[in-house]
Structures are given as structure tokens and as C-alpha cells.
């Protein structure tokens, strides 16, 4: 997990590749406790459903992104 600050808006980047669910969603939830946005890359086939469910439950916005590490998601409060 890395923290990138730009223009006063911090974004946390989470590399959850190799982690089985529910760990990617748990890492995302932990990061979003203190951040307004986060980006996560996860390769578990269940991760998209887990991340979408968590975001819906919390009222967060999710957009799919492409990164050099693979497909991921950017989450906003």
C-alpha cells in the first residue's frame, strides 16, 4: 500500500494481487477509513463482486481502471 498526495487530495494505492477474498476488500475498507479515494488492483476472481458490494454498502463510487499491474478499481467517497 502506498500513499500518494497531490494537490491536497491523498490517494492510497493498494496492490492486493495474490490475496484471496476477503483480504482485498478488507485492505480497501481499512484504507478508506482515512482517505477520500483509493485505487486497488486484485487478481482474485471474486474481488470485483466483493469490492462492488463493499462500495455499495458504504455509498462509495467505483470505477474500473487499467494499470500496468492489471485491471483495478478506483473508489471515491
Protein backbone atom coordinates (compact mmCIF):
# COMPACT_ATOMS: atom_id res chain seq x y z
CA UNK A 1 0.00 0.00 0.00
CA UNK A 2 1.36 3.40 -0.96
CA UNK A 3 0.12 6.88 -0.20
CA UNK A 4 0.32 9.48 -2.98
CA UNK A 5 -0.52 13.07 -2.03
CA UNK A 6 -1.33 15.51 -4.83
CA UNK A 7 -2.97 18.92 -4.56
CA UNK A 8 -4.12 18.23 -1.01
CA UNK A 9 -6.06 15.11 -2.01
CA UNK A 10 -4.43 11.86 -0.87
CA UNK A 11 -4.98 8.62 -2.75
CA UNK A 12 -3.91 5.24 -1.45
CA UNK A 13 -2.75 2.63 -3.98
CA UNK A 14 -3.36 -0.96 -2.85
CA UNK A 15 -1.67 -3.91 -4.56
CA UNK A 16 -3.78 -6.88 -3.48
CA UNK A 17 -2.55 -9.27 -6.15
CA UNK A 18 -2.14 -12.77 -4.76
CA UNK A 19 -4.53 -12.14 -1.87
CA UNK A 20 -7.71 -14.21 -1.66
CA UNK A 21 -11.01 -12.63 -0.72
CA UNK A 22 -11.98 -11.15 1.63
CA UNK A 23 -8.47 -9.66 2.06
CA UNK A 24 -8.59 -7.20 -0.88
CA UNK A 25 -11.89 -5.76 0.37
CA UNK A 26 -10.59 -5.61 3.94
CA UNK A 27 -7.48 -3.72 2.83
CA UNK A 28 -9.68 -1.32 0.88
CA UNK A 29 -12.01 -0.75 3.84
CA UNK A 30 -9.04 -0.04 6.10
CA UNK A 31 -7.57 2.49 3.66
CA UNK A 32 -10.89 4.26 3.15
CA UNK A 33 -11.24 4.91 6.88
CA UNK A 34 -8.86 7.85 6.49
CA UNK A 35 -8.81 8.57 2.74
CA UNK A 36 -11.24 10.13 0.27
CA UNK A 37 -10.15 7.80 -2.52
CA UNK A 38 -8.18 4.65 -3.14
CA UNK A 39 -7.05 2.56 -6.09
CA UNK A 40 -6.84 -1.21 -5.78
CA UNK A 41 -5.55 -3.97 -8.03
CA UNK A 42 -6.62 -7.52 -7.13
CA UNK A 43 -6.46 -10.73 -9.13
CA UNK A 44 -8.83 -12.94 -7.12
CA UNK A 45 -11.82 -13.69 -9.41
CA UNK A 46 -14.20 -12.88 -6.54
CA UNK A 47 -12.63 -9.45 -5.88
CA UNK A 48 -14.83 -7.44 -8.30
CA UNK A 49 -18.00 -8.64 -6.57
CA UNK A 50 -16.53 -8.14 -3.08
CA UNK A 51 -15.30 -4.63 -3.86
CA UNK A 52 -18.59 -3.65 -5.54
CA UNK A 53 -20.60 -4.96 -2.58
CA UNK A 54 -18.43 -3.12 -0.07
CA UNK A 55 -18.68 0.12 -2.06
CA UNK A 56 -22.46 -0.18 -2.38
CA UNK A 57 -22.79 -0.82 1.36
CA UNK A 58 -20.67 2.24 2.19
CA UNK A 59 -22.11 4.52 -0.52
CA UNK A 60 -18.80 4.81 -2.38
CA UNK A 61 -18.38 5.30 -6.13
CA UNK A 62 -16.37 2.69 -8.05
CA UNK A 63 -14.79 2.97 -11.49
CA UNK A 64 -12.79 0.30 -13.27
CA UNK A 65 -9.25 1.30 -14.25
CA UNK A 66 -6.41 -0.24 -16.25
CA UNK A 67 -2.97 -0.15 -14.67
CA UNK A 68 0.43 -1.63 -15.56
CA UNK A 69 -0.29 -4.20 -12.81
CA UNK A 70 -3.64 -5.22 -14.32
CA UNK A 71 -7.29 -4.32 -14.02
CA UNK A 72 -8.21 -2.44 -10.90
CA UNK A 73 -10.73 -0.08 -9.38
CA UNK A 74 -10.68 3.48 -8.13
CA UNK A 75 -13.00 4.14 -5.22
CA UNK A 76 -14.27 7.57 -4.13
CA UNK A 77 -16.29 8.69 -1.12
